[in-house]
Amino acid sequence: MKKLMAANWKMFKTWDEAGSTARVLVELAAAKLPEDREVLVCPPFTCLKAVSDAFSGADRFSSGGQDFYITDEGAFTGEISPAMLQDCGAKYGLTGHSERRHVLGENDEYIGQKTAYGLSAGLSVILCIGELLDERKAGRVEEVLERQLRLGLKDVPADVAPHRISVAYEPVWAIGTGEVAGPAEIQEAHAFTRKVLVSIFGEKANEMRILYGGSVKPTNCAEIIALDNVDGVLVGGASLQSESFSQIVLA
């Protein structure tokens, strides 16, 4: 199983900035990329083609969409379909990111619809899960993660290829705050996530990747990805500069 080193650029970068960043990333990391790594960048929709083009010919570098809607086309102003993402070169799509949940109001059921639809449309999907700080303080971490997993994966076929579905554990209180979950907290959450995945999909869930996200930086990435059940990272702010993200990719 290759570790997936994923970047979420959120609402940053113009076309030219995205293309330049992606090209420099390839220059810095492609020749040195360990055999057990894959690189994914999820830029804004307007930059997706620029990143895909920059990655053309670079082995194990892919682009993805930060979001998508649950149909191919129609009168859905402002939305984008998996087919449109794929037309721009995307191989992956994110669902359930904490900002979609807690800023834009998406609920577990809708996130589950997106996850299943993205897979059916041919994307590989990364389902993001994670607890709020008050939920952690109340001892509800496992309750929250299990709910998000079971509803987020409810309509995913049992025969889904394990490499096409990943889960990113992102404690909401650690996203963009500089706070990072400790090794024990990460291992506990990832072990529990693996347990739930196995209960849903059986033994093949051991081939599904579980990523960690939450203030990942060049200085802490190597320690994080060395932990049990950590099969990669989903990086926000530190992925915006090719130099810092290349250090993470190669950690």
Protein backbone atom coordinates (compact mmCIF):
# COMPACT_ATOMS: atom_id res chain seq x y z
CA MET A 1 0.00 0.00 0.00
CA LYS A 2 1.50 3.32 -1.08
CA LYS A 3 1.25 6.27 1.30
CA LEU A 4 -0.90 9.06 -0.15
CA MET A 5 0.62 12.50 0.37
CA ALA A 6 -2.31 14.78 -0.39
CA ALA A 7 -2.63 18.56 -0.57
CA ASN A 8 -5.81 20.59 -0.20
CA TRP A 9 -5.21 24.11 -1.49
CA LYS A 10 -8.70 25.29 -0.47
CA MET A 11 -9.59 28.74 -1.89
CA PHE A 12 -6.05 29.81 -2.73
CA LYS A 13 -4.15 30.38 -5.98
CA THR A 14 -4.91 31.66 -9.46
CA TRP A 15 -4.36 29.59 -12.61
CA ASP A 16 -0.80 30.86 -13.10
CA GLU A 17 0.11 30.46 -9.42
CA ALA A 18 -1.26 26.92 -9.31
CA GLY A 19 0.52 25.83 -12.46
CA SER A 20 3.81 27.30 -11.28
CA THR A 21 3.54 25.70 -7.83
CA ALA A 22 2.71 22.30 -9.33
CA ARG A 23 5.59 22.47 -11.82
CA VAL A 24 8.11 23.36 -9.11
CA LEU A 25 6.74 20.55 -6.93
CA VAL A 26 7.43 18.06 -9.71
CA GLU A 27 10.93 19.48 -10.17
CA LEU A 28 11.66 19.17 -6.45
CA ALA A 29 10.06 15.82 -5.69
CA ALA A 30 9.44 13.62 -8.72
CA ALA A 31 12.96 12.27 -9.15
CA LYS A 32 13.34 11.57 -5.42
CA LEU A 33 9.83 10.24 -4.74
CA PRO A 34 10.08 7.03 -2.68
CA GLU A 35 8.50 3.96 -4.25
CA ASP A 36 5.94 3.79 -1.45
CA ARG A 37 4.51 7.29 -2.07
CA GLU A 38 1.82 8.87 -4.23
CA VAL A 39 1.21 12.62 -4.48
CA LEU A 40 -2.20 14.25 -4.82
CA VAL A 41 -3.05 17.94 -5.13
CA CYS A 42 -6.62 19.24 -4.83
CA PRO A 43 -6.59 22.84 -6.11
CA PRO A 44 -9.55 25.19 -6.65
CA PHE A 45 -11.72 24.11 -9.57
CA THR A 46 -10.46 27.01 -11.71
CA CYS A 47 -6.89 25.69 -11.38
CA LEU A 48 -7.53 21.98 -11.79
CA LYS A 49 -6.52 21.78 -15.46
CA ALA A 50 -3.35 23.80 -14.78
CA VAL A 51 -2.27 21.34 -12.07
CA SER A 52 -3.24 18.29 -14.14
CA ASP A 53 -1.19 19.60 -17.06
CA ALA A 54 1.80 20.29 -14.80
CA PHE A 55 1.62 16.70 -13.53
CA SER A 56 1.37 15.20 -17.01
CA GLY A 57 4.15 12.65 -17.38
CA ALA A 58 5.05 12.71 -13.67
CA ASP A 59 4.67 9.20 -12.28
CA ARG A 60 2.43 8.90 -9.20
CA PHE A 61 1.33 12.57 -9.24
CA SER A 62 -2.43 13.14 -9.47
CA SER A 63 -4.95 15.96 -9.15
CA GLY A 64 -8.34 15.94 -7.46
CA GLY A 65 -11.41 18.04 -6.81
CA GLN A 66 -12.18 19.53 -3.41
CA ASP A 67 -15.90 18.86 -3.83
CA PHE A 68 -18.52 17.77 -6.38
CA TYR A 69 -22.27 17.49 -6.81
CA ILE A 70 -24.37 14.32 -6.94
CA THR A 71 -25.41 14.32 -10.58
CA ASP A 72 -23.74 14.60 -13.98
CA GLU A 73 -25.38 17.79 -15.18
CA GLY A 74 -28.42 20.01 -14.73
CA ALA A 75 -29.71 23.32 -13.42
CA PHE A 76 -27.50 23.44 -10.33
CA THR A 77 -25.95 26.88 -10.38
CA GLY A 78 -22.44 26.99 -8.98
CA GLU A 79 -22.01 23.22 -8.73
CA ILE A 80 -19.57 20.91 -10.52
CA SER A 81 -19.92 17.25 -11.46
CA PRO A 82 -17.45 14.38 -11.20
CA ALA A 83 -17.46 14.20 -15.00
CA MET A 84 -16.36 17.84 -15.17
CA LEU A 85 -13.56 17.18 -12.67
CA GLN A 86 -12.41 14.20 -14.72
CA ASP A 87 -12.50 16.30 -17.89
CA CYS A 88 -9.93 18.55 -16.17
CA GLY A 89 -7.74 15.57 -15.32
CA ALA A 90 -8.92 14.80 -11.78
CA LYS A 91 -8.58 11.28 -10.44
CA TYR A 92 -9.80 11.97 -6.90
CA GLY A 93 -12.51 13.88 -5.06
CA LEU A 94 -12.84 14.95 -1.42
CA THR A 95 -16.03 14.57 0.59
CA GLY A 96 -16.89 15.59 4.15
CA HIS A 97 -14.10 18.08 4.79
CA SER A 98 -14.72 19.89 8.07
CA GLU A 99 -15.20 23.20 6.26
CA ARG A 100 -17.93 21.63 4.11
CA ARG A 101 -19.53 20.24 7.28
CA HIS A 102 -19.16 23.11 9.73
CA VAL A 103 -18.87 26.22 7.54
CA LEU A 104 -21.11 25.26 4.61
CA GLY A 105 -23.58 23.08 6.51
CA GLU A 106 -23.32 19.69 4.80
CA ASN A 107 -24.72 16.85 6.89
CA ASP A 108 -23.63 13.22 7.17
CA GLU A 109 -26.37 11.90 4.90
CA TYR A 110 -25.53 14.30 2.06
CA ILE A 111 -21.83 13.57 2.43
CA GLY A 112 -22.65 9.87 2.14
CA GLN A 113 -24.57 10.52 -1.08
CA LYS A 114 -21.57 12.38 -2.48
CA THR A 115 -19.14 9.64 -1.52
CA ALA A 116 -21.18 6.90 -3.19
CA TYR A 117 -21.91 9.01 -6.26
CA GLY A 118 -18.29 10.04 -6.75
CA LEU A 119 -17.21 6.41 -6.66
CA SER A 120 -19.95 5.36 -9.08
CA ALA A 121 -18.84 8.14 -11.44
CA GLY A 122 -15.28 6.83 -11.52
CA LEU A 123 -13.46 9.03 -9.00
CA SER A 124 -11.42 7.70 -6.13
CA VAL A 125 -12.82 9.35 -3.00
CA ILE A 126 -11.28 10.57 0.25
CA LEU A 127 -13.92 10.80 2.98
CA CYS A 128 -12.90 13.27 5.70
CA ILE A 129 -14.00 12.71 9.29
CA GLY A 130 -13.13 14.34 12.60
CA GLU A 131 -14.43 15.68 15.88
CA LEU A 132 -14.87 19.19 17.21
CA LEU A 133 -12.94 20.23 20.33
CA ASP A 134 -16.04 20.16 22.54
CA GLU A 135 -16.84 16.66 21.27
CA ARG A 136 -13.34 15.48 22.23
CA LYS A 137 -13.61 17.09 25.67
CA ALA A 138 -16.95 15.35 26.17
CA GLY A 139 -15.39 11.95 25.40
CA ARG A 140 -17.40 11.53 22.21
CA VAL A 141 -14.59 11.01 19.70
CA GLU A 142 -15.47 7.41 18.81
CA GLU A 143 -19.20 8.18 18.69
CA VAL A 144 -18.62 11.03 16.22
CA LEU A 145 -16.18 9.09 14.04
CA GLU A 146 -18.39 6.03 13.85
CA ARG A 147 -21.43 8.09 12.89
CA GLN A 148 -19.53 9.96 10.20
CA LEU A 149 -18.06 6.73 8.84
CA ARG A 150 -21.24 4.68 8.80
CA LEU A 151 -23.38 7.41 7.24
CA GLY A 152 -20.59 8.58 4.95
CA LEU A 153 -20.09 5.06 3.58
CA LYS A 154 -23.68 3.79 3.85
CA ASP A 155 -24.32 3.59 0.09
CA VAL A 156 -20.84 2.52 -0.98
CA PRO A 157 -21.02 -0.96 -2.59
CA ALA A 158 -19.50 -3.76 -0.55
CA ASP A 159 -17.40 -4.79 -3.55
CA VAL A 160 -15.70 -1.41 -3.93
CA ALA A 161 -12.01 -1.73 -4.79
CA PRO A 162 -10.16 -0.83 -1.58
CA HIS A 163 -7.68 1.48 -3.31
CA ARG A 164 -10.56 3.71 -4.46
CA ILE A 165 -11.78 4.73 -1.01
CA SER A 166 -9.65 6.44 1.62
CA VAL A 167 -10.54 8.08 4.93
CA ALA A 168 -8.85 11.21 6.25
CA TYR A 169 -9.00 11.71 10.01
CA GLU A 170 -8.86 15.45 10.62
CA PRO A 171 -9.61 16.57 14.18
CA VAL A 172 -11.36 19.87 13.54
CA TRP A 173 -9.57 21.59 16.40
CA ALA A 174 -6.20 20.88 14.70
CA ILE A 175 -7.00 22.21 11.21
CA GLY A 176 -5.16 25.43 10.50
CA THR A 177 -4.60 26.12 14.19
CA GLY A 178 -1.03 24.96 14.58
CA GLU A 179 -2.28 22.37 17.06
CA VAL A 180 -1.51 18.75 16.20
CA ALA A 181 -3.03 15.65 17.73
CA GLY A 182 -0.39 13.74 19.71
CA PRO A 183 0.87 10.34 18.54
CA ALA A 184 -1.37 8.49 20.99
CA GLU A 185 -4.44 10.48 19.92
CA ILE A 186 -3.71 9.84 16.24
CA GLN A 187 -3.11 6.13 16.77
CA GLU A 188 -6.29 5.72 18.82
CA ALA A 189 -8.43 7.49 16.23
CA HIS A 190 -6.88 5.63 13.30
CA ALA A 191 -7.15 2.24 15.03
CA PHE A 192 -10.81 2.91 15.76
CA THR A 193 -11.38 4.05 12.17
CA ARG A 194 -9.79 0.83 10.91
CA LYS A 195 -12.00 -1.22 13.21
CA VAL A 196 -15.15 0.44 11.87
CA LEU A 197 -13.99 0.06 8.26
CA VAL A 198 -13.41 -3.66 8.82
CA SER A 199 -16.90 -3.99 10.30
CA ILE A 200 -18.31 -2.43 7.13
CA PHE A 201 -16.14 -3.92 4.39
CA GLY A 202 -14.49 -6.95 5.97
CA GLU A 203 -10.80 -7.78 5.77
CA LYS A 204 -10.25 -5.80 2.58
CA ALA A 205 -10.66 -2.67 4.72
CA ASN A 206 -7.09 -3.33 5.82
CA GLU A 207 -6.09 -2.26 2.29
CA MET A 208 -7.95 1.07 2.54
CA ARG A 209 -5.80 4.08 3.33
CA ILE A 210 -6.35 6.19 6.43
CA LEU A 211 -4.75 9.63 6.23
CA TYR A 212 -4.07 12.14 8.98
CA GLY A 213 -4.76 15.83 8.52
CA GLY A 214 -4.37 18.71 10.92
CA SER A 215 -1.46 21.19 10.90
CA VAL A 216 0.88 18.72 9.17
CA LYS A 217 4.26 20.38 8.53
CA PRO A 218 7.73 19.36 7.27
CA THR A 219 8.88 19.20 10.89
CA ASN A 220 6.26 16.68 12.07
CA CYS A 221 5.31 14.66 8.96
CA ALA A 222 7.92 11.91 9.29
CA GLU A 223 6.83 11.16 12.86
CA ILE A 224 3.15 11.11 11.88
CA ILE A 225 3.42 8.82 8.86
CA ALA A 226 5.55 6.35 10.83
CA LEU A 227 2.61 5.63 13.17
CA ASP A 228 0.50 2.48 12.86
CA ASN A 229 -2.52 2.83 10.57
CA VAL A 230 -1.32 6.14 9.14
CA ASP A 231 -1.23 5.63 5.38
CA GLY A 232 -0.55 9.22 4.36
CA VAL A 233 -1.46 12.80 5.14
CA LEU A 234 -3.90 15.47 3.97
CA VAL A 235 -2.12 18.82 4.17
CA GLY A 236 -3.58 22.32 4.09
CA GLY A 237 -1.48 25.43 4.65
CA ALA A 238 1.91 23.75 4.40
CA SER A 239 1.04 22.47 0.92
CA LEU A 240 0.62 25.93 -0.60
CA GLN A 241 4.35 26.36 -1.15
CA SER A 242 6.08 23.80 -3.33
CA GLU A 243 9.21 23.85 -1.17
CA SER A 244 7.44 22.98 2.07
CA PHE A 245 5.10 20.43 0.48
CA SER A 246 7.99 18.73 -1.30
CA GLN A 247 9.66 18.25 2.09
CA ILE A 248 6.44 16.64 3.38
CA VAL A 249 6.12 14.43 0.31
CA LEU A 250 9.69 13.19 0.73
CA ALA A 251 9.61 12.92 4.56
